[in-house]
PDB file of all heavy atoms in Angstrom:
ATOM      1  N   ARG A   1      99.345 102.127  86.580  1.00  0.00           N
ATOM      2  CA  ARG A   1     100.345 101.936  87.669  1.00  0.00           C
ATOM      3  C   ARG A   1     100.105 102.940  88.840  1.00  0.00           C
ATOM      4  O   ARG A   1     100.409 102.617  89.978  1.00  0.00           O
ATOM      5  CB  ARG A   1     101.803 102.102  87.144  1.00  0.00           C
ATOM      6  CG  ARG A   1     102.312 100.943  86.360  1.00  0.00           C
ATOM      7  CD  ARG A   1     103.776 101.150  85.997  1.00  0.00           C
ATOM      8  NE  ARG A   1     104.578 101.335  87.177  1.00  0.00           N
ATOM      9  CZ  ARG A   1     105.228 102.410  87.508  1.00  0.00           C
ATOM     10  NH1 ARG A   1     105.234 103.453  86.696  1.00  0.00           N
ATOM     11  NH2 ARG A   1     105.974 102.487  88.569  1.00  0.00           N
ATOM     12  N   ARG A   2      99.579 104.075  88.514  1.00  0.00           N
ATOM     13  CA  ARG A   2      99.393 105.062  89.578  1.00  0.00           C
ATOM     14  C   ARG A   2      98.423 104.595  90.631  1.00  0.00           C
ATOM     15  O   ARG A   2      98.512 104.991  91.827  1.00  0.00           O
ATOM     16  CB  ARG A   2      98.792 106.377  88.971  1.00  0.00           C
ATOM     17  CG  ARG A   2      99.880 107.073  88.041  1.00  0.00           C
ATOM     18  CD  ARG A   2      99.302 108.331  87.401  1.00  0.00           C
ATOM     19  NE  ARG A   2     100.249 108.897  86.460  1.00  0.00           N
ATOM     20  CZ  ARG A   2     100.037 110.027  85.773  1.00  0.00           C
ATOM     21  NH1 ARG A   2      98.869 110.690  85.957  1.00  0.00           N
ATOM     22  NH2 ARG A   2     100.903 110.501  84.929  1.00  0.00           N
ATOM     23  N   GLY A   3      97.498 103.764  90.260  1.00  0.00           N
ATOM     24  CA  GLY A   3      96.557 103.252  91.258  1.00  0.00           C
ATOM     25  C   GLY A   3      96.744 101.773  91.571  1.00  0.00           C
ATOM     26  O   GLY A   3      95.968 101.178  92.251  1.00  0.00           O
ATOM     27  N   TRP A   4      97.799 101.213  91.027  1.00  0.00           N
ATOM     28  CA  TRP A   4      98.066  99.763  91.282  1.00  0.00           C
ATOM     29  C   TRP A   4      99.601  99.569  91.423  1.00  0.00           C
ATOM     30  O   TRP A   4     100.323  99.336  90.508  1.00  0.00           O
ATOM     31  CB  TRP A   4      97.539  98.968  90.035  1.00  0.00           C
ATOM     32  CG  TRP A   4      97.499  97.515  90.282  1.00  0.00           C
ATOM     33  CD1 TRP A   4      97.668  96.824  91.453  1.00  0.00           C
ATOM     34  CD2 TRP A   4      97.226  96.518  89.252  1.00  0.00           C
ATOM     35  NE1 TRP A   4      97.542  95.457  91.277  1.00  0.00           N
ATOM     36  CE2 TRP A   4      97.287  95.257  89.934  1.00  0.00           C
ATOM     37  CE3 TRP A   4      96.984  96.526  87.899  1.00  0.00           C
ATOM     38  CZ2 TRP A   4      97.113  94.063  89.264  1.00  0.00           C
ATOM     39  CZ3 TRP A   4      96.810  95.355  87.251  1.00  0.00           C
ATOM     40  CH2 TRP A   4      96.865  94.122  87.892  1.00  0.00           C
ATOM     41  N   PRO A   5     100.114  99.685  92.620  1.00  0.00           N
ATOM     42  CA  PRO A   5     101.534  99.661  92.813  1.00  0.00           C
ATOM     43  C   PRO A   5     102.161  98.284  92.491  1.00  0.00           C
ATOM     44  O   PRO A   5     103.365  98.227  92.272  1.00  0.00           O
ATOM     45  CB  PRO A   5     101.706  99.908  94.358  1.00  0.00           C
ATOM     46  CG  PRO A   5     100.335  99.605  94.920  1.00  0.00           C
ATOM     47  CD  PRO A   5      99.371  99.919  93.850  1.00  0.00           C
ATOM     48  N   GLU A   6     101.367  97.196  92.404  1.00  0.00           N
ATOM     49  CA  GLU A   6     101.953  95.908  92.095  1.00  0.00           C
ATOM     50  C   GLU A   6     102.236  95.754  90.601  1.00  0.00           C
ATOM     51  O   GLU A   6     102.806  94.764  90.180  1.00  0.00           O
ATOM     52  CB  GLU A   6     100.967  94.790  92.522  1.00  0.00           C
ATOM     53  CG  GLU A   6     100.878  94.578  94.026  1.00  0.00           C
ATOM     54  CD  GLU A   6      99.904  95.533  94.671  1.00  0.00           C
ATOM     55  OE1 GLU A   6      99.252  96.341  93.958  1.00  0.00           O
ATOM     56  OE2 GLU A   6      99.847  95.592  95.880  1.00  0.00           O
ATOM     57  N   LEU A   7     101.809  96.742  89.809  1.00  0.00           N
ATOM     58  CA  LEU A   7     102.044  96.622  88.310  1.00  0.00           C
ATOM     59  C   LEU A   7     103.450  97.084  88.023  1.00  0.00           C
ATOM     60  O   LEU A   7     103.821  98.189  88.473  1.00  0.00           O
ATOM     61  CB  LEU A   7     101.010  97.470  87.591  1.00  0.00           C
ATOM     62  CG  LEU A   7     101.111  97.467  86.071  1.00  0.00           C
ATOM     63  CD1 LEU A   7     100.850  96.057  85.525  1.00  0.00           C
ATOM     64  CD2 LEU A   7     100.186  98.434  85.455  1.00  0.00           C
ATOM     65  N   ARG A   8     104.179  96.291  87.304  1.00  0.00           N
ATOM     66  CA  ARG A   8     105.548  96.572  86.852  1.00  0.00           C
ATOM     67  C   ARG A   8     105.612  96.596  85.320  1.00  0.00           C
ATOM     68  O   ARG A   8     105.034  95.708  84.713  1.00  0.00           O
ATOM     69  CB  ARG A   8     106.538  95.573  87.431  1.00  0.00           C
ATOM     70  CG  ARG A   8     107.965  95.701  86.983  1.00  0.00           C
ATOM     71  CD  ARG A   8     108.775  94.531  87.573  1.00  0.00           C
ATOM     72  NE  ARG A   8     110.166  94.529  87.059  1.00  0.00           N
ATOM     73  CZ  ARG A   8     111.050  93.566  87.347  1.00  0.00           C
ATOM     74  NH1 ARG A   8     110.663  92.571  88.194  1.00  0.00           N
ATOM     75  NH2 ARG A   8     112.210  93.607  86.874  1.00  0.00           N
ATOM     76  N   VAL A   9     106.238  97.578  84.752  1.00  0.00           N
ATOM     77  CA  VAL A   9     106.208  97.723  83.295  1.00  0.00           C
ATOM     78  C   VAL A   9     107.645  97.548  82.776  1.00  0.00           C
ATOM     79  O   VAL A   9     108.556  98.264  83.190  1.00  0.00           O
ATOM     80  CB  VAL A   9     105.675  99.071  82.840  1.00  0.00           C
ATOM     81  CG1 VAL A   9     105.684  99.182  81.366  1.00  0.00           C
ATOM     82  CG2 VAL A   9     104.275  99.263  83.396  1.00  0.00           C
ATOM     83  N   VAL A  10     107.840  96.605  81.849  1.00  0.00           N
ATOM     84  CA  VAL A  10     109.086  96.480  81.116  1.00  0.00           C
ATOM     85  C   VAL A  10     108.857  96.772  79.658  1.00  0.00           C
ATOM     86  O   VAL A  10     107.977  96.136  79.021  1.00  0.00           O
ATOM     87  CB  VAL A  10     109.633  95.013  81.292  1.00  0.00           C
ATOM     88  CG1 VAL A  10     110.890  94.799  80.361  1.00  0.00           C
ATOM     89  CG2 VAL A  10     110.012  94.703  82.697  1.00  0.00           C
ATOM     90  N   ARG A  11     109.527  97.787  79.151  1.00  0.00           N
ATOM     91  CA  ARG A  11     109.273  98.218  77.779  1.00  0.00           C
ATOM     92  C   ARG A  11     110.525  97.846  76.943  1.00  0.00           C
ATOM     93  O   ARG A  11     111.635  98.236  77.283  1.00  0.00           O
ATOM     94  CB  ARG A  11     109.006  99.687  77.732  1.00  0.00           C
ATOM     95  CG  ARG A  11     108.801 100.251  76.330  1.00  0.00           C
ATOM     96  CD  ARG A  11     108.315 101.663  76.319  1.00  0.00           C
ATOM     97  NE  ARG A  11     108.349 102.267  75.014  1.00  0.00           N
ATOM     98  CZ  ARG A  11     107.447 102.031  74.076  1.00  0.00           C
ATOM     99  NH1 ARG A  11     106.446 101.223  74.311  1.00  0.00           N
ATOM    100  NH2 ARG A  11     107.479 102.636  72.868  1.00  0.00           N
ATOM    101  N   LEU A  12     110.253  97.161  75.849  1.00  0.00           N
ATOM    102  CA  LEU A  12     111.358  96.840  74.911  1.00  0.00           C
ATOM    103  C   LEU A  12     111.542  97.924  73.860  1.00  0.00           C
ATOM    104  O   LEU A  12     110.568  98.553  73.458  1.00  0.00           O
ATOM    105  CB  LEU A  12     111.036  95.497  74.230  1.00  0.00           C
ATOM    106  CG  LEU A  12     110.742  94.307  75.181  1.00  0.00           C
ATOM    107  CD1 LEU A  12     110.588  93.010  74.304  1.00  0.00           C
ATOM    108  CD2 LEU A  12     111.858  94.140  76.218  1.00  0.00           C
ATOM    109  N   ARG A  13     112.726  98.141  73.401  1.00  0.00           N
ATOM    110  CA  ARG A  13     113.029  99.242  72.482  1.00  0.00           C
ATOM    111  C   ARG A  13     112.413  98.965  71.099  1.00  0.00           C
ATOM    112  O   ARG A  13     112.051  99.860  70.392  1.00  0.00           O
ATOM    113  CB  ARG A  13     114.497  99.433  72.338  1.00  0.00           C
ATOM    114  CG  ARG A  13     115.172  99.987  73.598  1.00  0.00           C
ATOM    115  CD  ARG A  13     116.590 100.438  73.314  1.00  0.00           C
ATOM    116  NE  ARG A  13     117.184 100.983  74.502  1.00  0.00           N
ATOM    117  CZ  ARG A  13     117.066 102.245  74.963  1.00  0.00           C
ATOM    118  NH1 ARG A  13     116.290 103.069  74.251  1.00  0.00           N
ATOM    119  NH2 ARG A  13     117.619 102.642  76.075  1.00  0.00           N
ATOM    120  N   ARG A  14     112.340  97.711  70.685  1.00  0.00           N
ATOM    121  CA  ARG A  14     111.816  97.348  69.416  1.00  0.00           C
ATOM    122  C   ARG A  14     110.962  96.061  69.550  1.00  0.00           C
ATOM    123  O   ARG A  14     111.110  95.349  70.567  1.00  0.00           O
ATOM    124  CB  ARG A  14     112.914  97.075  68.444  1.00  0.00           C
ATOM    125  CG  ARG A  14     113.974  96.087  69.001  1.00  0.00           C
ATOM    126  CD  ARG A  14     115.110  95.895  67.985  1.00  0.00           C
ATOM    127  NE  ARG A  14     114.667  95.197  66.774  1.00  0.00           N
ATOM    128  CZ  ARG A  14     114.534  93.939  66.676  1.00  0.00           C
ATOM    129  NH1 ARG A  14     114.909  93.099  67.668  1.00  0.00           N
ATOM    130  NH2 ARG A  14     114.172  93.300  65.550  1.00  0.00           N
ATOM    131  N   ASN A  15     110.102  95.881  68.596  1.00  0.00           N
ATOM    132  CA  ASN A  15     109.276  94.661  68.568  1.00  0.00           C
ATOM    133  C   ASN A  15     110.206  93.453  68.415  1.00  0.00           C
ATOM    134  O   ASN A  15     110.873  93.357  67.370  1.00  0.00           O
ATOM    135  CB  ASN A  15     108.242  94.718  67.521  1.00  0.00           C
ATOM    136  CG  ASN A  15     107.338  93.535  67.538  1.00  0.00           C
ATOM    137  OD1 ASN A  15     107.570  92.522  66.903  1.00  0.00           O
ATOM    138  ND2 ASN A  15     106.199  93.656  68.197  1.00  0.00           N
ATOM    139  N   SER A  16     110.234  92.569  69.348  1.00  0.00           N
ATOM    140  CA  SER A  16     111.141  91.413  69.333  1.00  0.00           C
ATOM    141  C   SER A  16     110.364  90.062  69.105  1.00  0.00           C
ATOM    142  O   SER A  16     111.055  89.037  69.014  1.00  0.00           O
ATOM    143  CB  SER A  16     111.929  91.344  70.660  1.00  0.00           C
ATOM    144  OG  SER A  16     112.620  92.529  70.854  1.00  0.00           O
ATOM    145  N   GLY A  17     109.067  90.125  69.057  1.00  0.00           N
ATOM    146  CA  GLY A  17     108.389  88.902  68.861  1.00  0.00           C
ATOM    147  C   GLY A  17     107.796  88.318  70.153  1.00  0.00           C
ATOM    148  O   GLY A  17     108.283  88.596  71.250  1.00  0.00           O
ATOM    149  N   HIS A  18     106.745  87.522  69.996  1.00  0.00           N
ATOM    150  CA  HIS A  18     106.016  87.003  71.179  1.00  0.00           C
ATOM    151  C   HIS A  18     106.880  86.193  72.067  1.00  0.00           C
ATOM    152  O   HIS A  18     106.929  86.401  73.301  1.00  0.00           O
ATOM    153  CB  HIS A  18     104.811  86.202  70.712  1.00  0.00           C
ATOM    154  CG  HIS A  18     103.882  85.711  71.761  1.00  0.00           C
ATOM    155  ND1 HIS A  18     103.824  84.398  72.138  1.00  0.00           N
ATOM    156  CD2 HIS A  18     103.067  86.355  72.638  1.00  0.00           C
ATOM    157  CE1 HIS A  18     102.982  84.258  73.180  1.00  0.00           C
ATOM    158  NE2 HIS A  18     102.496  85.434  73.432  1.00  0.00           N
ATOM    159  N   GLN A  19     107.625  85.225  71.551  1.00  0.00           N
ATOM    160  CA  GLN A  19     108.448  84.341  72.383  1.00  0.00           C
ATOM    161  C   GLN A  19     109.584  85.119  73.070  1.00  0.00           C
ATOM    162  O   GLN A  19     109.889  84.819  74.229  1.00  0.00           O
ATOM    163  CB  GLN A  19     109.014  83.213  71.566  1.00  0.00           C
ATOM    164  CG  GLN A  19     107.982  82.302  70.958  1.00  0.00           C
ATOM    165  CD  GLN A  19     107.091  81.623  71.995  1.00  0.00           C
ATOM    166  OE1 GLN A  19     107.537  80.873  72.806  1.00  0.00           O
ATOM    167  NE2 GLN A  19     105.781  81.854  71.921  1.00  0.00           N
ATOM    168  N   ASN A  20     110.184  86.102  72.352  1.00  0.00           N
ATOM    169  CA  ASN A  20     111.270  86.854  73.057  1.00  0.00           C
ATOM    170  C   ASN A  20     110.694  87.797  74.053  1.00  0.00           C
ATOM    171  O   ASN A  20     111.367  88.099  75.043  1.00  0.00           O
ATOM    172  CB  ASN A  20     111.932  87.638  71.918  1.00  0.00           C
ATOM    173  CG  ASN A  20     112.842  86.780  70.983  1.00  0.00           C
ATOM    174  OD1 ASN A  20     113.303  85.773  71.464  1.00  0.00           O
ATOM    175  ND2 ASN A  20     112.959  87.182  69.779  1.00  0.00           N
ATOM    176  N   ALA A  21     109.483  88.281  73.888  1.00  0.00           N
ATOM    177  CA  ALA A  21     108.828  89.095  74.911  1.00  0.00           C
ATOM    178  C   ALA A  21     108.599  88.231  76.204  1.00  0.00           C
ATOM    179  O   ALA A  21     108.791  88.699  77.343  1.00  0.00           O
ATOM    180  CB  ALA A  21     107.513  89.676  74.405  1.00  0.00           C
ATOM    181  N   LEU A  22     108.221  86.950  75.980  1.00  0.00           N
ATOM    182  CA  LEU A  22     108.082  86.094  77.095  1.00  0.00           C
ATOM    183  C   LEU A  22     109.440  85.826  77.792  1.00  0.00           C
ATOM    184  O   LEU A  22     109.539  85.781  79.024  1.00  0.00           O
ATOM    185  CB  LEU A  22     107.522  84.709  76.614  1.00  0.00           C
ATOM    186  CG  LEU A  22     106.020  84.619  76.359  1.00  0.00           C
ATOM    187  CD1 LEU A  22     105.642  83.269  75.755  1.00  0.00           C
ATOM    188  CD2 LEU A  22     105.212  84.827  77.680  1.00  0.00           C
ATOM    189  N   THR A  23     110.466  85.753  77.017  1.00  0.00           N
ATOM    190  CA  THR A  23     111.815  85.576  77.564  1.00  0.00           C
ATOM    191  C   THR A  23     112.154  86.766  78.431  1.00  0.00           C
ATOM    192  O   THR A  23     112.687  86.591  79.526  1.00  0.00           O
ATOM    193  CB  THR A  23     112.844  85.475  76.464  1.00  0.00           C
ATOM    194  OG1 THR A  23     112.532  84.327  75.656  1.00  0.00           O
ATOM    195  CG2 THR A  23     114.225  85.332  76.966  1.00  0.00           C
ATOM    196  N   ALA A  24     111.836  88.001  77.971  1.00  0.00           N
ATOM    197  CA  ALA A  24     112.145  89.177  78.782  1.00  0.00           C
ATOM    198  C   ALA A  24     111.397  89.114  80.087  1.00  0.00           C
ATOM    199  O   ALA A  24     111.957  89.497  81.132  1.00  0.00           O
ATOM    200  CB  ALA A  24     111.767  90.430  77.971  1.00  0.00           C
ATOM    201  N   GLY A  25     110.126  88.677  80.059  1.00  0.00           N
ATOM    202  CA  GLY A  25     109.391  88.592  81.278  1.00  0.00           C
ATOM    203  C   GLY A  25     109.892  87.530  82.224  1.00  0.00           C
ATOM    204  O   GLY A  25     110.043  87.784  83.455  1.00  0.00           O
ATOM    205  N   LEU A  26     110.291  86.372  81.728  1.00  0.00           N
ATOM    206  CA  LEU A  26     110.810  85.298  82.580  1.00  0.00           C
ATOM    207  C   LEU A  26     112.130  85.657  83.181  1.00  0.00           C
ATOM    208  O   LEU A  26     112.396  85.335  84.357  1.00  0.00           O
ATOM    209  CB  LEU A  26     110.971  84.027  81.754  1.00  0.00           C
ATOM    210  CG  LEU A  26     109.691  83.337  81.308  1.00  0.00           C
ATOM    211  CD1 LEU A  26     109.983  82.137  80.457  1.00  0.00           C
ATOM    212  CD2 LEU A  26     108.886  82.870  82.533  1.00  0.00           C
ATOM    213  N   HIS A  27     112.990  86.371  82.455  1.00  0.00           N
ATOM    214  CA  HIS A  27     114.303  86.789  82.995  1.00  0.00           C
ATOM    215  C   HIS A  27     114.155  87.818  84.148  1.00  0.00           C
ATOM    216  O   HIS A  27     115.095  87.912  84.929  1.00  0.00           O
ATOM    217  CB  HIS A  27     115.153  87.397  81.860  1.00  0.00           C
ATOM    218  CG  HIS A  27     115.674  86.320  80.961  1.00  0.00           C
ATOM    219  ND1 HIS A  27     116.759  86.599  80.116  1.00  0.00           N
ATOM    220  CD2 HIS A  27     115.370  85.072  80.784  1.00  0.00           C
ATOM    221  CE1 HIS A  27     117.089  85.469  79.436  1.00  0.00           C
ATOM    222  NE2 HIS A  27     116.275  84.548  79.810  1.00  0.00           N
ATOM    223  N   ARG A  28     113.040  88.534  84.198  1.00  0.00           N
ATOM    224  CA  ARG A  28     112.945  89.577  85.177  1.00  0.00           C
ATOM    225  C   ARG A  28     111.922  89.258  86.297  1.00  0.00           C
ATOM    226  O   ARG A  28     111.767  89.984  87.219  1.00  0.00           O
ATOM    227  CB  ARG A  28     112.572  90.889  84.525  1.00  0.00           C
ATOM    228  CG  ARG A  28     113.724  91.578  83.891  1.00  0.00           C
ATOM    229  CD  ARG A  28     113.368  92.677  82.902  1.00  0.00           C
ATOM    230  NE  ARG A  28     114.620  93.341  82.564  1.00  0.00           N
ATOM    231  CZ  ARG A  28     115.549  92.857  81.738  1.00  0.00           C
ATOM    232  NH1 ARG A  28     115.398  91.662  81.240  1.00  0.00           N
ATOM    233  NH2 ARG A  28     116.667  93.542  81.453  1.00  0.00           N
ATOM    234  N   ALA A  29     111.163  88.189  86.125  1.00  0.00           N
ATOM    235  CA  ALA A  29     110.177  87.850  87.070  1.00  0.00           C
ATOM    236  C   ALA A  29     110.881  87.372  88.362  1.00  0.00           C
ATOM    237  O   ALA A  29     111.866  86.702  88.363  1.00  0.00           O
ATOM    238  CB  ALA A  29     109.346  86.687  86.568  1.00  0.00           C
ATOM    239  N   ARG A  30     110.298  87.797  89.484  1.00  0.00           N
ATOM    240  CA  ARG A  30     110.896  87.557  90.862  1.00  0.00           C
ATOM    241  C   ARG A  30     110.150  86.587  91.721  1.00  0.00           C
ATOM    242  O   ARG A  30     110.587  86.195  92.774  1.00  0.00           O
ATOM    243  CB  ARG A  30     111.089  88.827  91.544  1.00  0.00           C
ATOM    244  CG  ARG A  30     111.965  89.895  90.865  1.00  0.00           C
ATOM    245  CD  ARG A  30     111.974  91.184  91.656  1.00  0.00           C
ATOM    246  NE  ARG A  30     110.727  91.872  91.679  1.00  0.00           N
ATOM    247  CZ  ARG A  30     110.305  92.673  92.610  1.00  0.00           C
ATOM    248  NH1 ARG A  30     111.114  92.960  93.600  1.00  0.00           N
ATOM    249  NH2 ARG A  30     109.103  93.277  92.558  1.00  0.00           N
ATOM    250  N   GLY A  31     108.936  86.229  91.290  1.00  0.00           N
ATOM    251  CA  GLY A  31     108.064  85.427  92.149  1.00  0.00           C
ATOM    252  C   GLY A  31     108.493  83.951  92.348  1.00  0.00           C
ATOM    253  O   GLY A  31     109.218  83.409  91.538  1.00  0.00           O
ATOM    254  N   ALA A  32     107.984  83.335  93.404  1.00  0.00           N
ATOM    255  CA  ALA A  32     108.152  81.919  93.633  1.00  0.00           C
ATOM    256  C   ALA A  32     107.470  81.132  92.529  1.00  0.00           C
ATOM    257  O   ALA A  32     107.861  80.007  92.193  1.00  0.00           O
ATOM    258  CB  ALA A  32     107.716  81.499  95.035  1.00  0.00           C
ATOM    259  N   TYR A  33     106.347  81.683  92.051  1.00  0.00           N
ATOM    260  CA  TYR A  33     105.626  81.101  90.903  1.00  0.00           C
ATOM    261  C   TYR A  33     105.421  82.204  89.896  1.00  0.00           C
ATOM    262  O   TYR A  33     105.159  83.343  90.243  1.00  0.00           O
ATOM    263  CB  TYR A  33     104.266  80.547  91.356  1.00  0.00           C
ATOM    264  CG  TYR A  33     104.343  79.273  92.198  1.00  0.00           C
ATOM    265  CD1 TYR A  33     104.303  79.371  93.567  1.00  0.00           C
ATOM    266  CD2 TYR A  33     104.452  78.030  91.589  1.00  0.00           C
ATOM    267  CE1 TYR A  33     104.360  78.227  94.359  1.00  0.00           C
ATOM    268  CE2 TYR A  33     104.555  76.888  92.392  1.00  0.00           C
ATOM    269  CZ  TYR A  33     104.506  76.999  93.771  1.00  0.00           C
ATOM    270  OH  TYR A  33     104.619  75.881  94.518  1.00  0.00           O
ATOM    271  N   VAL A  34     105.455  81.821  88.602  1.00  0.00           N
ATOM    272  CA  VAL A  34     105.359  82.770  87.549  1.00  0.00           C
ATOM    273  C   VAL A  34     104.288  82.271  86.573  1.00  0.00           C
ATOM    274  O   VAL A  34     104.337  81.116  86.133  1.00  0.00           O
ATOM    275  CB  VAL A  34     106.637  82.998  86.790  1.00  0.00           C
ATOM    276  CG1 VAL A  34     106.458  84.002  85.578  1.00  0.00           C
ATOM    277  CG2 VAL A  34     107.749  83.543  87.726  1.00  0.00           C
ATOM    278  N   VAL A  35     103.312  83.114  86.186  1.00  0.00           N
ATOM    279  CA  VAL A  35     102.237  82.773  85.257  1.00  0.00           C
ATOM    280  C   VAL A  35     102.425  83.712  84.082  1.00  0.00           C
ATOM    281  O   VAL A  35     102.455  84.933  84.206  1.00  0.00           O
ATOM    282  CB  VAL A  35     100.831  82.950  85.895  1.00  0.00           C
ATOM    283  CG1 VAL A  35      99.812  82.641  84.825  1.00  0.00           C
ATOM    284  CG2 VAL A  35     100.657  82.052  87.058  1.00  0.00           C
ATOM    285  N   SER A  36     102.473  83.099  82.889  1.00  0.00           N
ATOM    286  CA  SER A  36     102.528  83.897  81.643  1.00  0.00           C
ATOM    287  C   SER A  36     101.144  83.878  81.004  1.00  0.00           C
ATOM    288  O   SER A  36     100.472  82.825  80.919  1.00  0.00           O
ATOM    289  CB  SER A  36     103.533  83.282  80.665  1.00  0.00           C
ATOM    290  OG  SER A  36     103.278  81.928  80.384  1.00  0.00           O
ATOM    291  N   ILE A  37     100.669  85.046  80.606  1.00  0.00           N
ATOM    292  CA  ILE A  37      99.297  85.199  80.060  1.00  0.00           C
ATOM    293  C   ILE A  37      99.310  86.352  79.131  1.00  0.00           C
ATOM    294  O   ILE A  37      99.922  87.378  79.406  1.00  0.00           O
ATOM    295  CB  ILE A  37      98.246  85.311  81.178  1.00  0.00           C
ATOM    296  CG1 ILE A  37      96.863  85.379  80.588  1.00  0.00           C
ATOM    297  CG2 ILE A  37      98.572  86.530  82.025  1.00  0.00           C
ATOM    298  CD1 ILE A  37      95.767  85.305  81.705  1.00  0.00           C
ATOM    299  N   ASP A  38      98.526  86.263  78.039  1.00  0.00           N
ATOM    300  CA  ASP A  38      98.377  87.363  77.136  1.00  0.00           C
ATOM    301  C   ASP A  38      97.196  88.228  77.655  1.00  0.00           C
ATOM    302  O   ASP A  38      96.372  87.818  78.430  1.00  0.00           O
ATOM    303  CB  ASP A  38      97.947  86.869  75.759  1.00  0.00           C
ATOM    304  CG  ASP A  38      99.103  86.143  75.039  1.00  0.00           C
ATOM    305  OD1 ASP A  38     100.281  86.407  75.431  1.00  0.00           O
ATOM    306  OD2 ASP A  38      98.808  85.256  74.176  1.00  0.00           O
ATOM    307  N   VAL A  39      97.203  89.546  77.228  1.00  0.00           N
ATOM    308  CA  VAL A  39      96.239  90.464  77.832  1.00  0.00           C
ATOM    309  C   VAL A  39      95.019  90.565  76.924  1.00  0.00           C
ATOM    310  O   VAL A  39      94.177  91.450  77.194  1.00  0.00           O
ATOM    311  CB  VAL A  39      96.889  91.885  78.000  1.00  0.00           C
ATOM    312  CG1 VAL A  39      98.008  91.902  78.959  1.00  0.00           C
ATOM    313  CG2 VAL A  39      97.320  92.430  76.599  1.00  0.00           C
ATOM    314  N   ASP A  40      94.776  89.593  76.004  1.00  0.00           N
ATOM    315  CA  ASP A  40      93.603  89.794  75.196  1.00  0.00           C
ATOM    316  C   ASP A  40      92.359  89.145  75.814  1.00  0.00           C
ATOM    317  O   ASP A  40      91.292  89.097  75.232  1.00  0.00           O
ATOM    318  CB  ASP A  40      93.827  89.099  73.794  1.00  0.00           C
ATOM    319  CG  ASP A  40      94.292  87.669  73.930  1.00  0.00           C
ATOM    320  OD1 ASP A  40      94.217  87.057  75.009  1.00  0.00           O
ATOM    321  OD2 ASP A  40      94.804  87.082  72.923  1.00  0.00           O
ATOM    322  N   LEU A  41      92.539  88.567  77.011  1.00  0.00           N
ATOM    323  CA  LEU A  41      91.504  87.934  77.798  1.00  0.00           C
ATOM    324  C   LEU A  41      90.860  86.678  77.163  1.00  0.00           C
ATOM    325  O   LEU A  41      89.726  86.300  77.553  1.00  0.00           O
ATOM    326  CB  LEU A  41      90.425  88.950  78.165  1.00  0.00           C
ATOM    327  CG  LEU A  41      90.902  90.081  79.126  1.00  0.00           C
ATOM    328  CD1 LEU A  41      89.666  91.075  79.366  1.00  0.00           C
ATOM    329  CD2 LEU A  41      91.313  89.491  80.450  1.00  0.00           C
ATOM    330  N   GLN A  42      91.526  86.140  76.165  1.00  0.00           N
ATOM    331  CA  GLN A  42      91.060  84.849  75.674  1.00  0.00           C
ATOM    332  C   GLN A  42      91.367  83.737  76.661  1.00  0.00           C
ATOM    333  O   GLN A  42      90.693  82.738  76.670  1.00  0.00           O
ATOM    334  CB  GLN A  42      91.670  84.559  74.276  1.00  0.00           C
ATOM    335  CG  GLN A  42      91.112  85.432  73.158  1.00  0.00           C
ATOM    336  CD  GLN A  42      91.625  85.032  71.807  1.00  0.00           C
ATOM    337  OE1 GLN A  42      92.763  85.303  71.421  1.00  0.00           O
ATOM    338  NE2 GLN A  42      90.769  84.375  71.077  1.00  0.00           N
TER     339      GLN A  42
END
């Protein structure tokens, strides 16, 4: 984040599962378009 101001970090207190993590992202996303993607680069 120090070199990439467009990066926003949402940290959950506990592991809530993949679908619930997606829910957290969708509830906080502000864009006109939203893309969900895992970071494993598959």
